[in-house]
Structures are given as structure tokens and as C-alpha cells.
């Protein structure tokens, strides 16, 4: 007997299985393509972000200076010197005055940081030098990582400051020990800096900005978050790092002082060797007086 008008048309078991198989295979194919893109393409698709950074108390001699920041290489986690070579070339082509590295040279478990001295030595800084702090993954063999960075001409800041001088004016750079597993001391890091000075502050974990903004700091530079590493439309970041939950990517102004905070998305990956809608980042800052 024919179906009554308006009654849903039944499909056979064979047709149902055929359509289900097509949908399943389509899903597998799409997942494979996205997985391949995330693993093989996007995580090596470096983005150079240019920021005109207005900084409080910036001395006139440093107006227009160029800082290049990179972070979170995670050497040893599906990433090594060969993959890092294009990053070094990009950094050098930018001809920075100052270089900031904001931690996690290695993935925890990598016991050979000295392997990376030759490639790190290839990074060329201008008149302002190369500066670094330690990240949470570096803490597993902290002294070895510090030594490798120092042999690569990085000034490693651990709860202390130093300065750059130009035309008799000083730009202060301070940094702290890792906030998750070390002994960070912001007060000690800036102790002795003259009042109304310009202080650029390096800290691996960005969420410590809620504390650092209470000190006479002009701008903070951080990494650690990886920008979330995997982002989905409407959902945002999928992989969230502790102490990078509030400030995860880009430029913020924090606290009553409206201290500038910049969070770099990093070069490498952790947890999963993929990036999706969250490219690795090299940041270029052009300093301007606020």
C-alpha cells in the first residue's frame, strides 16, 4: 500500500548504511586534513606582529628603538634547531635594537640545552643586547638552561635589573625567576631603580601582571600561554595554561597604572604538537613615549 501523503518516507537499511559510511568517511577525511594542516603547516607559519608600544617615562634617546620578542621554543618537543633556523633568520632580518626571550627554551625532559648554543648565538642584537628570563619548563634543569643562554650572549634576569644607556639616558630592564616553580621576587627585581624611570619587565607567566602593575614598571613582556595554541570559533582557546588564563594573547593595560602587558604566542608547542587558528609569533615593538 502506498504511503499516505505527508508521511515520512522510510529508507532501507542498505541506503542508511551507505549514507552513514559516506558521512563517516567524510568526517575522517576532514579530520585528517585538519590534523595535517595543524601539525605540518600552521605551527611553522610564523607571524610577525608589529606593535607601536607607548611606554611611560620612555627617555627621548630610546624613542623609535625596536624590540623583538620571541618565546616558548620548547626545543625537544617535535621541534629542534633545524626548525628554528627560519625563526633566527626572520629575527635577524628585522634588525632589532633589543631582543627579549621570555622563557621555555626547552621542553621539560630535554636534558641537552647546550645543543642549542650555536643556533642561539646566531641571533644578532643591535645596540641594546639580548635579554632573557627562565620559563616553567626550563626549571627542570634551570642552571643548565641559564648557562646555555649566557653562553649565547643573553643577559639572564633572575629577580634583578640592569640598564641600557644612550645619550646619557637609561632604559632599565628587569626580570624575575619563574612564577610557577621558582622564587619570583618583583620587589627585589626593581629595588634601587630611580623614581620615574622607564622599566621594561620580563616575566614568563603573564598573569603575574596583576602584581607587577603595583610596582613602578612601564611595560611587561610575557609568553607561556601559546595564545591557547588551538582556537575554535565561538569557543576560543582550547589549551589553557595555568597563570595564563586571564591574559592569553596580545596587548593589555593592567591595573590602576594601566601598565602595558604584551603576551607573545610563542614559537613552539606543548601538550600537543599542533596549532589551529593560532599561529606562532615573533613580535616587533617600536617604542614610543606615552
Protein backbone atom coordinates (compact mmCIF):
# COMPACT_ATOMS: atom_id res chain seq x y z
CA UNK A 1 0.00 0.00 0.00
CA UNK A 2 1.30 3.49 -0.88
CA UNK A 3 2.41 5.85 1.90
CA UNK A 4 -0.19 8.38 2.97
CA UNK A 5 0.52 11.93 1.81
CA UNK A 6 2.89 13.70 4.23
CA UNK A 7 4.11 10.50 5.90
CA UNK A 8 7.93 10.42 6.18
CA UNK A 9 9.50 8.25 3.56
CA UNK A 10 11.35 5.30 5.02
CA UNK A 11 14.83 4.48 3.84
CA UNK A 12 16.18 0.99 3.58
CA UNK A 13 18.86 -0.33 5.90
CA UNK A 14 21.23 -0.54 2.92
CA UNK A 15 20.67 3.11 2.00
CA UNK A 16 21.08 4.17 5.62
CA UNK A 17 24.39 2.31 5.94
CA UNK A 18 25.63 3.74 2.64
CA UNK A 19 24.87 7.32 3.67
CA UNK A 20 26.32 6.78 7.15
CA UNK A 21 29.51 5.38 5.66
CA UNK A 22 29.89 8.41 3.39
CA UNK A 23 29.40 10.77 6.32
CA UNK A 24 31.88 8.81 8.42
CA UNK A 25 34.50 8.74 5.69
CA UNK A 26 33.96 12.45 5.06
CA UNK A 27 34.47 13.16 8.75
CA UNK A 28 37.66 11.08 8.81
CA UNK A 29 38.98 12.82 5.70
CA UNK A 30 38.22 16.30 7.10
CA UNK A 31 39.79 15.41 10.45
CA UNK A 32 42.88 14.07 8.69
CA UNK A 33 43.22 17.24 6.61
CA UNK A 34 42.81 19.50 9.65
CA UNK A 35 45.24 17.38 11.62
CA UNK A 36 47.81 17.53 8.84
CA UNK A 37 47.38 21.29 8.49
CA UNK A 38 47.68 21.85 12.25
CA UNK A 39 50.77 19.64 12.56
CA UNK A 40 52.65 20.29 9.33
CA UNK A 41 51.65 23.81 8.24
CA UNK A 42 50.30 26.23 10.82
CA UNK A 43 52.83 25.52 13.55
CA UNK A 44 55.59 26.61 11.15
CA UNK A 45 53.63 29.53 9.68
CA UNK A 46 55.31 32.27 11.73
CA UNK A 47 53.55 35.59 12.08
CA UNK A 48 55.48 38.82 12.58
CA UNK A 49 53.29 41.15 14.63
CA UNK A 50 54.19 44.84 14.66
CA UNK A 51 53.19 46.92 17.68
CA UNK A 52 53.64 50.63 18.27
CA UNK A 53 54.13 50.41 22.02
CA UNK A 54 53.53 53.54 24.07
CA UNK A 55 55.67 53.39 27.18
CA UNK A 56 55.51 55.60 30.25
CA UNK A 57 58.67 57.52 31.17
CA UNK A 58 60.46 56.45 27.99
CA UNK A 59 63.65 58.56 27.65
CA UNK A 60 63.86 60.55 24.44
CA UNK A 61 67.04 58.71 23.40
CA UNK A 62 65.08 55.45 23.10
CA UNK A 63 62.17 56.81 21.08
CA UNK A 64 61.81 54.65 17.97
CA UNK A 65 64.03 51.83 19.20
CA UNK A 66 62.96 48.39 18.01
CA UNK A 67 62.47 45.43 20.35
CA UNK A 68 61.93 41.91 19.01
CA UNK A 69 60.34 39.41 21.39
CA UNK A 70 60.16 35.65 20.95
CA UNK A 71 59.17 32.99 23.46
CA UNK A 72 58.42 29.33 24.22
CA UNK A 73 60.56 27.43 21.74
CA UNK A 74 60.14 24.12 23.60
CA UNK A 75 63.16 22.51 21.98
CA UNK A 76 62.78 18.74 22.06
CA UNK A 77 59.01 18.60 21.63
CA UNK A 78 58.60 17.89 17.90
CA UNK A 79 60.93 20.85 17.34
CA UNK A 80 64.68 21.32 17.12
CA UNK A 81 67.44 23.54 15.74
CA UNK A 82 66.60 22.86 12.10
CA UNK A 83 63.01 24.03 12.60
CA UNK A 84 64.27 27.09 14.50
CA UNK A 85 66.62 28.29 11.75
CA UNK A 86 63.91 30.19 9.80
CA UNK A 87 62.95 31.99 13.02
CA UNK A 88 66.53 33.14 13.55
CA UNK A 89 66.67 34.47 10.00
CA UNK A 90 63.37 36.34 10.46
CA UNK A 91 64.59 37.89 13.71
CA UNK A 92 67.91 38.98 12.19
CA UNK A 93 66.19 40.39 9.11
CA UNK A 94 64.17 42.66 11.42
CA UNK A 95 67.44 44.25 12.66
CA UNK A 96 66.32 44.71 16.27
CA UNK A 97 67.94 47.11 18.70
CA UNK A 98 66.97 44.87 21.63
CA UNK A 99 65.95 41.21 21.85
CA UNK A 100 63.71 39.73 24.55
CA UNK A 101 63.33 35.99 25.08
CA UNK A 102 60.61 35.24 27.62
CA UNK A 103 61.30 31.66 28.59
CA UNK A 104 60.87 27.93 27.88
CA UNK A 105 63.90 27.25 25.75
CA UNK A 106 63.34 23.53 26.22
CA UNK A 107 60.51 21.09 26.82
CA UNK A 108 60.75 19.53 30.29
CA UNK A 109 62.70 16.30 29.95
CA UNK A 110 65.15 17.63 27.38
CA UNK A 111 68.49 17.37 29.15
CA UNK A 112 70.71 18.91 26.46
CA UNK A 113 70.25 22.70 26.32
CA UNK A 114 73.88 23.16 25.27
CA UNK A 115 72.94 21.71 21.87
CA UNK A 116 71.18 24.98 21.09
CA UNK A 117 74.04 27.36 21.86
CA UNK A 118 75.24 27.58 18.23
CA UNK A 119 71.78 28.46 16.84
CA UNK A 120 71.08 30.92 19.69
CA UNK A 121 74.44 32.60 19.06
CA UNK A 122 73.32 33.31 15.51
CA UNK A 123 70.63 35.68 16.80
CA UNK A 124 72.05 39.17 16.38
CA UNK A 125 71.07 42.06 18.63
CA UNK A 126 71.92 45.66 18.00
CA UNK A 127 72.93 48.33 20.48
CA UNK A 128 70.58 47.09 23.23
CA UNK A 129 71.68 43.47 23.60
CA UNK A 130 69.87 40.18 24.22
CA UNK A 131 67.82 39.62 27.39
CA UNK A 132 66.04 36.57 28.79
CA UNK A 133 64.14 35.03 31.67
CA UNK A 134 63.53 31.39 32.56
CA UNK A 135 60.24 29.57 31.91
CA UNK A 136 58.48 26.80 33.82
CA UNK A 137 59.76 24.02 31.53
CA UNK A 138 63.32 25.34 31.89
CA UNK A 139 63.11 24.88 35.65
CA UNK A 140 63.69 21.12 35.38
CA UNK A 141 67.37 21.87 34.60
CA UNK A 142 67.40 25.58 35.35
CA UNK A 143 71.16 26.07 35.86
CA UNK A 144 71.97 24.32 32.58
CA UNK A 145 69.47 26.44 30.68
CA UNK A 146 70.78 29.65 32.26
CA UNK A 147 74.32 28.63 31.31
CA UNK A 148 73.31 27.87 27.70
CA UNK A 149 71.60 31.26 27.36
CA UNK A 150 74.55 33.10 28.88
CA UNK A 151 76.96 31.33 26.51
CA UNK A 152 74.67 32.56 23.71
CA UNK A 153 75.18 36.18 24.87
CA UNK A 154 71.81 36.55 26.60
CA UNK A 155 71.66 38.54 29.83
CA UNK A 156 69.51 36.30 32.06
CA UNK A 157 67.50 38.24 34.63
CA UNK A 158 66.56 36.48 37.86
CA UNK A 159 64.96 38.88 40.33
CA UNK A 160 67.26 41.69 39.24
CA UNK A 161 67.66 44.53 36.75
CA UNK A 162 70.25 46.09 34.54
CA UNK A 163 70.13 49.01 32.12
CA UNK A 164 70.97 50.22 28.63
CA UNK A 165 72.43 53.69 28.23
CA UNK A 166 72.11 56.03 25.24
CA UNK A 167 72.97 59.74 25.12
CA UNK A 168 73.40 59.71 28.89
CA UNK A 169 69.85 58.33 29.40
CA UNK A 170 68.98 54.94 30.87
CA UNK A 171 66.40 52.32 29.97
CA UNK A 172 66.01 49.76 32.76
CA UNK A 173 65.25 46.10 32.09
CA UNK A 174 64.15 43.87 34.97
CA UNK A 175 63.14 40.24 35.19
CA UNK A 176 62.05 37.58 37.66
CA UNK A 177 62.51 33.90 38.32
CA UNK A 178 59.78 31.60 37.03
CA UNK A 179 56.50 32.32 38.82
CA UNK A 180 55.24 28.71 38.84
CA UNK A 181 58.22 26.73 40.10
CA UNK A 182 60.83 29.30 41.05
CA UNK A 183 61.13 32.06 43.63
CA UNK A 184 59.94 35.23 41.90
CA UNK A 185 60.52 38.49 43.72
CA UNK A 186 59.28 41.57 41.87
CA UNK A 187 60.25 43.95 44.67
CA UNK A 188 63.84 42.71 44.58
CA UNK A 189 63.91 42.86 40.78
CA UNK A 190 63.20 46.61 40.72
CA UNK A 191 64.81 47.59 44.02
CA UNK A 192 67.19 50.51 43.58
CA UNK A 193 65.84 51.79 40.28
CA UNK A 194 65.47 55.59 40.48
CA UNK A 195 61.95 57.02 40.63
CA UNK A 196 60.23 57.96 37.37
CA UNK A 197 62.50 55.67 35.37
CA UNK A 198 61.34 53.62 32.40
CA UNK A 199 61.32 49.95 33.43
CA UNK A 200 60.69 47.12 30.96
CA UNK A 201 59.88 43.93 32.84
CA UNK A 202 60.26 40.31 31.68
CA UNK A 203 58.16 37.57 33.29
CA UNK A 204 57.37 34.22 31.70
CA UNK A 205 53.84 33.86 33.09
CA UNK A 206 51.58 36.79 32.11
CA UNK A 207 49.00 36.60 34.91
CA UNK A 208 51.58 37.87 37.38
CA UNK A 209 50.86 41.27 35.81
CA UNK A 210 48.14 41.76 38.44
CA UNK A 211 51.01 42.00 40.94
CA UNK A 212 53.69 43.67 38.82
CA UNK A 213 51.36 46.54 37.88
CA UNK A 214 51.56 47.69 41.50
CA UNK A 215 55.28 48.42 41.08
CA UNK A 216 56.92 51.25 39.08
CA UNK A 217 57.01 49.18 35.88
CA UNK A 218 56.29 50.74 32.49
CA UNK A 219 55.63 47.56 30.49
CA UNK A 220 55.67 43.80 30.99
CA UNK A 221 56.59 41.21 28.35
CA UNK A 222 55.46 37.60 28.77
CA UNK A 223 54.87 34.32 26.95
CA UNK A 224 53.78 30.94 28.37
CA UNK A 225 50.20 30.97 27.03
CA UNK A 226 50.95 29.85 23.45
CA UNK A 227 47.91 32.00 22.69
CA UNK A 228 45.81 28.94 23.54
CA UNK A 229 47.57 27.01 20.74
CA UNK A 230 44.24 25.64 19.42
CA UNK A 231 41.33 28.01 18.94
CA UNK A 232 37.83 27.25 17.76
CA UNK A 233 35.25 29.78 16.51
CA UNK A 234 32.84 30.79 19.30
CA UNK A 235 34.80 28.71 21.86
CA UNK A 236 38.16 30.48 21.83
CA UNK A 237 41.28 28.88 23.29
CA UNK A 238 41.19 25.15 23.95
CA UNK A 239 44.59 24.58 25.60
CA UNK A 240 44.84 26.92 28.57
CA UNK A 241 47.99 27.24 30.65
CA UNK A 242 47.99 27.89 34.36
CA UNK A 243 48.93 31.52 35.09
CA UNK A 244 47.98 32.48 31.53
CA UNK A 245 44.22 32.19 31.95
CA UNK A 246 43.44 35.88 32.38
CA UNK A 247 45.95 37.31 29.90
CA UNK A 248 46.48 34.96 26.96
CA UNK A 249 47.35 36.87 23.79
CA UNK A 250 48.30 40.34 22.67
CA UNK A 251 48.31 43.76 24.31
CA UNK A 252 46.60 44.62 27.59
CA UNK A 253 46.67 47.55 30.01
CA UNK A 254 46.61 46.34 33.58
CA UNK A 255 45.64 47.84 36.93
CA UNK A 256 45.22 51.43 38.06
CA UNK A 257 48.56 52.31 36.50
CA UNK A 258 47.39 50.92 33.13
CA UNK A 259 50.73 49.13 32.82
CA UNK A 260 51.24 47.80 29.29
CA UNK A 261 51.38 43.98 29.13
CA UNK A 262 52.16 42.06 25.99
CA UNK A 263 51.66 38.28 25.75
CA UNK A 264 53.51 36.57 22.92
CA UNK A 265 52.01 33.34 21.45
CA UNK A 266 55.37 31.63 21.32
CA UNK A 267 57.29 29.69 18.69
CA UNK A 268 56.88 26.03 19.64
CA UNK A 269 54.11 23.91 21.12
CA UNK A 270 53.46 21.85 24.24
CA UNK A 271 50.95 19.15 25.25
CA UNK A 272 50.06 18.58 21.59
CA UNK A 273 52.33 19.31 18.58
CA UNK A 274 49.64 21.27 16.73
CA UNK A 275 48.37 24.81 16.21
CA UNK A 276 45.00 25.78 14.82
CA UNK A 277 43.86 29.38 14.21
CA UNK A 278 46.76 30.40 16.47
CA UNK A 279 49.97 30.94 14.51
CA UNK A 280 53.39 31.06 16.20
CA UNK A 281 54.56 34.62 16.74
CA UNK A 282 57.53 36.94 16.58
CA UNK A 283 56.68 40.39 17.94
CA UNK A 284 58.27 43.68 16.89
CA UNK A 285 57.77 46.69 19.16
CA UNK A 286 58.50 50.25 18.10
CA UNK A 287 58.95 52.21 21.30
CA UNK A 288 57.06 55.47 21.68
CA UNK A 289 56.63 57.73 24.68
CA UNK A 290 53.18 57.55 26.26
